[in-house]
Protein backbone atom coordinates (compact mmCIF):
# COMPACT_ATOMS: atom_id res chain seq x y z
CA MET A 1 -26.44 -17.11 36.22
CA ALA A 2 -24.10 -14.18 35.50
CA ALA A 3 -21.29 -15.85 37.44
CA ARG A 4 -21.79 -19.11 35.51
CA GLN A 5 -21.74 -17.20 32.21
CA GLY A 6 -18.55 -15.49 33.38
CA GLN A 7 -16.88 -18.84 33.92
CA LYS A 8 -17.67 -19.84 30.34
CA ILE A 9 -15.76 -16.87 28.93
CA LYS A 10 -12.95 -16.87 31.51
CA LEU A 11 -10.35 -18.34 29.15
CA LEU A 12 -11.15 -15.76 26.46
CA ALA A 13 -11.09 -12.92 28.97
CA LEU A 14 -7.79 -14.15 30.41
CA LEU A 15 -6.26 -14.28 26.92
CA ASP A 16 -7.48 -10.73 26.21
CA ILE A 17 -5.89 -9.47 29.42
CA LEU A 18 -2.58 -11.15 28.61
CA ARG A 19 -2.70 -9.74 25.06
CA ARG A 20 -3.54 -6.14 26.00
CA GLU A 21 -2.04 -5.66 29.46
CA THR A 22 1.17 -7.67 29.46
CA ASP A 23 4.46 -7.68 27.63
CA GLU A 24 8.05 -8.52 28.52
CA ASP A 25 8.35 -5.40 30.70
CA HIS A 26 4.88 -5.69 32.26
CA PRO A 27 4.13 -9.26 33.47
CA LEU A 28 1.09 -9.89 35.67
CA SER A 29 1.02 -12.29 38.61
CA ALA A 30 -1.71 -14.89 39.06
CA GLN A 31 -3.21 -12.73 41.79
CA ALA A 32 -3.20 -9.67 39.53
CA LEU A 33 -4.86 -11.69 36.79
CA CYS A 34 -7.57 -12.72 39.25
CA GLN A 35 -8.17 -9.05 40.05
CA LYS A 36 -8.35 -8.13 36.35
CA LEU A 37 -10.94 -10.86 35.81
CA ALA A 38 -12.91 -9.70 38.85
CA GLU A 39 -13.21 -6.27 37.19
CA GLN A 40 -15.18 -8.09 34.47
CA ASN A 41 -17.34 -9.90 37.06
CA ILE A 42 -15.50 -13.16 36.47
CA THR A 43 -14.45 -14.98 39.62
CA ALA A 44 -11.16 -16.88 39.66
CA GLU A 45 -8.69 -18.36 42.14
CA ARG A 46 -4.94 -18.41 41.77
CA LYS A 47 -4.85 -22.18 41.27
CA SER A 48 -7.40 -21.98 38.46
CA ILE A 49 -5.30 -19.29 36.75
CA TYR A 50 -2.35 -21.68 36.57
CA SER A 51 -4.61 -24.36 35.10
CA ASP A 52 -6.12 -21.92 32.60
CA ILE A 53 -2.67 -20.77 31.49
CA ASP A 54 -1.61 -24.39 30.97
CA THR A 55 -4.73 -24.88 28.82
CA LEU A 56 -3.90 -21.83 26.71
CA ILE A 57 -0.30 -22.97 26.31
CA GLY A 58 -1.54 -26.39 25.25
CA TYR A 59 -3.68 -24.66 22.63
CA GLY A 60 -0.56 -23.00 21.23
CA VAL A 61 -0.59 -19.58 22.92
CA ASP A 62 2.93 -18.38 23.75
CA ILE A 63 2.62 -17.44 27.45
CA ILE A 64 5.89 -16.94 29.30
CA ARG A 65 6.43 -17.12 33.06
CA THR A 66 9.11 -14.77 34.33
CA ARG A 67 10.63 -13.42 37.54
CA VAL A 68 12.14 -10.31 35.93
CA PRO A 69 11.30 -7.44 36.34
CA ARG A 70 8.83 -9.16 38.69
CA ALA A 71 7.18 -12.55 38.98
CA GLY A 72 4.28 -13.13 36.64
CA PHE A 73 3.12 -14.05 33.15
CA PHE A 74 3.18 -12.22 29.81
CA LEU A 75 2.22 -12.95 26.24
CA GLY A 76 5.30 -13.77 24.18
CA ALA A 77 4.77 -14.15 20.44
CA ARG A 78 1.89 -12.25 18.85
CA GLU A 79 0.35 -12.36 15.39
CA PHE A 80 2.43 -9.29 14.59
CA GLU A 81 5.57 -8.32 16.46
CA THR A 82 5.96 -4.71 17.61
CA PRO A 83 8.38 -3.67 14.79
CA GLU A 84 5.96 -5.17 12.24
CA ILE A 85 3.07 -3.12 13.66
CA TYR A 86 5.23 0.01 13.56
CA LEU A 87 6.17 -0.75 9.94
CA LEU A 88 2.54 -1.29 8.89
CA SER A 89 1.43 1.82 10.78
CA ASP A 90 4.06 3.93 9.04
CA ALA A 91 2.99 2.51 5.66
CA VAL A 92 -0.65 3.43 6.38
CA ARG A 93 0.36 6.86 7.65
CA SER A 94 2.41 7.67 4.55
CA ALA A 95 -0.13 6.33 2.02
CA ASP A 96 -1.74 9.44 0.55
CA PHE A 97 -4.53 7.41 -1.08
CA ILE A 98 -5.92 6.67 2.42
CA SER A 99 -7.90 9.51 3.99
CA ALA A 100 -6.77 10.97 7.33
CA LYS A 101 -9.90 9.59 9.03
CA LYS A 102 -9.42 6.07 7.68
CA SER A 103 -5.70 6.24 8.43
CA ARG A 104 -6.45 6.95 12.10
CA GLU A 105 -8.91 4.05 12.18
CA LEU A 106 -6.44 1.59 10.64
CA VAL A 107 -3.54 2.66 12.83
CA GLY A 108 -5.86 2.35 15.84
CA LYS A 109 -6.79 -1.21 14.86
CA LEU A 110 -3.13 -2.10 14.39
CA GLY A 111 -2.32 -0.57 17.78
CA ARG A 112 -4.89 -2.76 19.49
CA MET A 113 -2.82 -5.78 18.45
CA LEU A 114 -0.09 -4.50 20.80
CA SER A 115 -0.03 -4.28 24.57
CA ILE A 116 -1.45 -1.01 25.93
CA TYR A 117 2.11 0.06 26.78
CA GLU A 118 3.46 -0.48 23.26
CA GLU A 119 0.31 1.09 21.79
CA LYS A 120 0.98 4.25 23.79
CA ARG A 121 4.50 4.44 22.31
CA GLN A 122 3.10 3.81 18.86
CA ARG A 123 0.57 6.65 19.14
CA ALA A 124 3.32 9.01 20.22
CA ALA A 125 5.34 8.17 17.10
CA VAL A 126 2.61 8.47 14.44
CA PHE A 127 1.51 11.67 12.69
CA TYR A 128 -1.35 12.07 10.22
CA ASP A 129 -1.25 15.60 8.83
CA ARG A 130 -0.23 15.40 5.16
CA PRO A 131 -1.49 18.08 2.78
CA ASN A 132 -2.15 15.80 -0.19
CA ARG A 133 -4.16 13.12 1.56
CA CYS A 134 -7.10 11.51 -0.20
CA ARG A 135 -10.48 12.94 0.87
CA ASN A 136 -12.56 10.19 -0.68
CA GLU A 137 -14.10 8.35 2.27
CA GLU A 138 -15.62 5.78 -0.14
CA LEU A 139 -12.20 4.35 -0.98
CA PHE A 140 -12.44 1.07 0.95
CA TYR A 141 -15.97 0.42 -0.31
CA LEU A 142 -14.75 1.10 -3.86
CA ILE A 143 -11.89 -1.38 -3.46
CA ASP A 144 -14.30 -4.01 -2.13
CA ALA A 145 -16.72 -3.52 -5.06
CA ILE A 146 -13.90 -3.57 -7.63
CA SER A 147 -12.39 -6.72 -6.09
CA SER A 148 -15.80 -8.39 -6.31
CA ALA A 149 -16.16 -7.41 -9.97
CA ILE A 150 -12.68 -8.70 -10.84
CA SER A 151 -13.30 -12.05 -9.14
CA LYS A 152 -16.66 -12.42 -10.90
CA GLY A 153 -15.37 -11.22 -14.28
CA LYS A 154 -17.95 -8.40 -14.50
CA LYS A 155 -17.88 -4.81 -15.73
CA ILE A 156 -18.27 -1.86 -13.39
CA SER A 157 -19.78 1.61 -13.80
CA PHE A 158 -18.90 4.70 -11.78
CA GLN A 159 -18.39 8.45 -11.86
CA TYR A 160 -14.83 9.63 -12.45
CA ALA A 161 -13.65 13.05 -11.29
CA THR A 162 -10.68 14.97 -12.68
CA ARG A 163 -9.40 18.32 -11.43
CA VAL A 164 -9.90 21.39 -13.62
CA LEU A 165 -9.09 25.07 -13.24
CA THR A 166 -12.26 27.14 -13.33
CA ALA A 167 -12.73 30.58 -14.91
CA GLU A 168 -12.44 32.01 -11.39
CA ARG A 169 -8.98 30.39 -11.10
CA THR A 170 -10.13 27.96 -8.45
CA LEU A 171 -9.86 24.19 -8.48
CA GLY A 172 -12.97 22.33 -9.55
CA GLU A 173 -13.93 18.85 -10.72
CA LYS A 174 -15.11 17.51 -14.05
CA ILE A 175 -17.31 14.42 -13.63
CA LYS A 176 -17.71 11.70 -16.26
CA ASP A 177 -19.74 8.51 -16.21
CA ARG A 178 -17.59 5.50 -17.13
CA THR A 179 -18.11 1.80 -17.72
CA VAL A 180 -15.00 -0.39 -17.85
CA SER A 181 -13.77 -3.97 -17.64
CA PRO A 182 -11.60 -4.20 -14.49
CA TYR A 183 -8.52 -6.46 -14.40
CA ALA A 184 -6.31 -5.55 -11.44
CA MET A 185 -5.52 -2.93 -8.80
CA THR A 186 -2.05 -1.65 -7.95
CA TRP A 187 -0.41 0.90 -5.66
CA GLN A 188 2.03 3.02 -7.67
CA ASP A 189 3.54 6.48 -7.11
CA ASP A 190 1.58 6.98 -3.85
CA HIS A 191 -1.78 6.33 -5.53
CA TYR A 192 -4.06 3.32 -5.90
CA TYR A 193 -4.91 2.55 -9.53
CA LEU A 194 -7.40 0.35 -11.35
CA ILE A 195 -6.04 -1.29 -14.52
CA CYS A 196 -8.97 -1.71 -16.90
CA ASN A 197 -10.28 -1.43 -20.45
CA TYR A 198 -12.67 1.19 -21.83
CA GLU A 199 -14.67 -0.64 -24.46
CA LYS A 200 -14.17 2.00 -27.20
CA TYR A 201 -10.45 1.18 -27.37
CA ASP A 202 -8.31 -1.96 -27.63
CA ASN A 203 -5.86 -1.02 -24.90
CA LEU A 204 -5.43 -0.74 -21.14
CA LEU A 205 -6.39 2.26 -19.05
CA ASN A 206 -5.09 3.22 -15.60
CA LEU A 207 -7.55 5.12 -13.41
CA ARG A 208 -7.00 6.47 -9.92
CA ILE A 209 -9.40 4.77 -7.53
CA ASP A 210 -9.55 7.81 -5.23
CA ARG A 211 -11.11 9.72 -8.16
CA MET A 212 -14.01 7.25 -8.43
CA HIS A 213 -17.46 7.53 -6.85
CA GLY A 214 -20.39 5.14 -6.69
CA VAL A 215 -18.86 1.99 -8.17
CA THR A 216 -21.56 -0.48 -9.26
CA VAL A 217 -20.87 -4.08 -10.30
CA LEU A 218 -22.81 -4.80 -13.50
CA SER A 219 -24.26 -8.08 -14.74
CA GLU A 220 -22.43 -7.68 -18.06
CA ASP A 221 -19.32 -9.85 -18.48
CA ALA A 222 -15.98 -8.02 -18.60
CA ARG A 223 -13.96 -8.06 -21.77
CA PRO A 224 -11.16 -10.68 -21.53
CA PHE A 225 -7.82 -9.01 -20.85
CA CYS A 226 -6.16 -11.23 -23.47
CA GLU A 227 -7.94 -9.11 -26.11
CA VAL A 228 -6.27 -5.87 -24.98
CA SER A 229 -2.95 -6.99 -23.45
CA PRO A 230 -0.14 -9.51 -24.07
CA TYR A 231 -1.24 -11.58 -21.06
CA ARG A 232 -3.18 -14.79 -21.60
CA GLU A 233 -3.84 -16.89 -18.49
CA VAL A 234 -2.98 -14.42 -15.70
CA PHE A 235 -2.77 -10.62 -15.74
CA ASP A 236 0.84 -9.99 -14.67
CA VAL A 237 0.58 -6.73 -12.70
CA ALA A 238 4.28 -6.65 -11.78
CA ASP A 239 5.36 -7.04 -15.41
CA TYR A 240 2.82 -4.47 -16.59
CA THR A 241 3.62 -1.74 -14.07
CA GLY A 242 7.37 -2.35 -14.33
CA LYS A 243 7.30 -0.97 -17.89
CA LEU A 244 5.30 2.16 -17.02
CA PHE A 245 6.39 5.59 -15.84
CA GLY A 246 3.83 7.59 -13.90
CA MET A 247 1.19 4.98 -14.88
CA TYR A 248 1.13 6.38 -18.44
CA THR A 249 -0.23 3.74 -20.80
CA GLY A 250 1.11 2.69 -24.19
CA SER A 251 2.98 -0.10 -25.95
CA PRO A 252 6.34 -1.02 -24.38
CA GLU A 253 9.42 -0.50 -26.55
CA LYS A 254 13.03 -1.47 -26.17
CA ILE A 255 15.12 1.41 -24.83
CA THR A 256 18.89 1.52 -24.31
CA LEU A 257 20.46 3.89 -21.80
CA GLN A 258 24.03 4.83 -20.94
CA CYS A 259 24.48 5.94 -17.32
CA ASP A 260 27.14 7.15 -14.93
CA LYS A 261 28.05 4.49 -12.38
CA ASN A 262 27.25 6.83 -9.49
CA ILE A 263 23.49 6.46 -10.21
CA ILE A 264 23.50 2.64 -10.34
CA GLU A 265 21.39 2.53 -7.16
CA GLN A 266 18.62 4.67 -8.68
CA VAL A 267 18.69 2.73 -11.95
CA VAL A 268 18.36 -0.65 -10.23
CA ASP A 269 15.59 0.69 -7.95
CA ARG A 270 13.62 1.75 -11.02
CA PHE A 271 14.34 -1.10 -13.45
CA SER A 272 15.08 -3.97 -10.99
CA GLU A 273 18.16 -6.13 -10.56
CA LYS A 274 17.20 -8.23 -13.59
CA ILE A 275 18.60 -5.77 -16.12
CA PHE A 276 21.69 -6.94 -18.02
CA ILE A 277 24.42 -4.35 -17.48
CA THR A 278 27.34 -3.76 -19.86
CA ASN A 279 30.36 -1.69 -18.89
CA VAL A 280 31.06 1.10 -21.38
CA ASP A 281 34.16 2.51 -19.70
CA GLU A 282 35.53 3.11 -16.23
CA ASN A 283 32.77 5.57 -15.31
CA THR A 284 29.71 4.49 -17.31
CA PHE A 285 27.55 1.47 -18.06
CA SER A 286 24.69 0.72 -20.43
CA PHE A 287 21.65 -1.55 -20.41
CA SER A 288 18.51 -2.26 -22.41
CA THR A 289 14.99 -2.79 -21.12
CA GLU A 290 11.37 -2.39 -22.17
CA ALA A 291 9.39 0.71 -21.20
CA VAL A 292 6.44 2.76 -22.37
CA ILE A 293 7.77 5.95 -23.99
CA SER A 294 5.86 8.81 -22.37
CA ASP A 295 6.24 12.31 -20.93
CA ALA A 296 6.81 10.68 -17.54
CA LEU A 297 9.77 8.69 -18.89
CA VAL A 298 11.23 11.85 -20.45
CA THR A 299 10.84 13.65 -17.12
CA TRP A 300 12.55 10.80 -15.26
CA LEU A 301 15.48 10.80 -17.69
CA MET A 302 15.91 14.58 -17.57
CA HIS A 303 15.87 14.45 -13.78
CA TYR A 304 19.34 12.89 -13.96
CA GLY A 305 20.67 15.49 -16.39
CA ASP A 306 23.97 14.60 -18.03
CA THR A 307 24.36 11.37 -16.04
CA VAL A 308 21.95 9.52 -18.38
CA ARG A 309 22.14 9.38 -22.17
CA VAL A 310 19.55 7.74 -24.43
CA LEU A 311 21.16 5.47 -27.02
CA ALA A 312 17.91 4.14 -28.52
CA PRO A 313 15.28 4.49 -29.87
CA PRO A 314 15.75 7.67 -31.96
CA ARG A 315 12.27 9.03 -31.17
CA LEU A 316 13.01 9.01 -27.45
CA LYS A 317 16.19 11.00 -28.16
CA GLU A 318 14.12 13.48 -30.14
CA GLN A 319 11.66 13.92 -27.27
CA ILE A 320 14.52 14.58 -24.83
CA VAL A 321 16.02 17.20 -27.17
CA ALA A 322 12.63 18.85 -27.75
CA ARG A 323 11.94 19.05 -23.99
CA ALA A 324 15.43 20.46 -23.31
CA GLU A 325 14.97 23.10 -26.03
CA LYS A 326 11.63 24.17 -24.52
CA VAL A 327 13.18 24.53 -21.07
CA LEU A 328 16.13 26.47 -22.51
CA ALA A 329 13.83 28.80 -24.47
CA LEU A 330 11.74 29.43 -21.35
CA TYR A 331 14.73 30.77 -19.44
CA GLN A 332 16.45 32.51 -22.37
CA LYS A 333 13.51 34.94 -22.46
CA GLU A 334 14.54 36.16 -19.01
CA LEU A 335 18.24 36.61 -19.79
C-alpha cells in the first residue's frame, strides 16, 4: 500500500528534488534521482525517470539535460531567479518595519525557492542585526486586518503607541485608543504607514502600522475618502505620498526652488523626472512642484545648505530663515 501511495506522488517528489537539489552546477543523473526517491520510500527505475521528466517538461517545467560538469538533469528556470531572490532578501533584511524574527522567517522562505547550494550562499550573505528594527510581532496580522477593512470599506479600531520620555529619563509609551477610516497603506522612509481619516477632522492622517496593536475591523462603514481628499474614484497613493516630506500631512502648495546643478540627481530622486526644469544660469536651475510645507520639508531643504534657494512661497522662505536663526543662536552661545 505504501509503495503504491509512493508511486502516486513520484512526480511531485521528483520535481521537489530537482528544485531543491539541482542547479546548473549540480545536475543529478537518472540513477542519482532514483536513489533520492528511494530515500523517500518511492521506488523508481532509470527508464521511468526519463518518462517522468518528459511528462514534467510537457507540463511546462524547464528541466535541462546536460553533460557538463557531469551528465544529468537540473531545473532551469524557476519562479524567481537567484538574483531576484537575493534582491528580495536584501529588501526584507533592510526593512526596519519588519521584526528580526519575521525577517529571518521571510528570508528562509525565499531561500527555499533556491537550490540548497544557492540557499547556502544566500544565508552567508544576509545579516539581520539592525538596532532600529521593529519589535511588533503583530505586524503581519495588522496588515492583513487593515487590508480586509480597506477592501470591505469598514472602519478599524486599535491601540496606538507613541514614545515618551518618562520622569526617570527612560523611554516609555503613551497608549491611545483610536478609531479611523482606512484608505491605503504605504512604505515610506523605512516605515509602513496607514493613510486614514480620524472622524473629528476633515483631513488625512498618516499612522505608523508598527505602532498599532489589536486592530479590529468594525461593522461601521468607513468615511469616503472623497470627503477628506482631492481623490474621487481611486485613492492615488503615489500622488499623495509624492507631495509629502516625512509623511507630514497638510494641504499641498506650489513651491519654486533654485538649485545648483551638482544636486540634480538628488532633486530628481525626490521630486521625480516629471518636474519641468528651467535653466537659470550656467550653474543653477529652477523648477516648481507641489509639496506639503512642513518641518520635514524645511529640514530637507536645509540639508543642502546654500545649494538650494526657495523662491516661493514667502512663508516657506520665512520658515527657512527662522530655522537658520535658531541654529545660529544655538551655537553663538558657545562662542
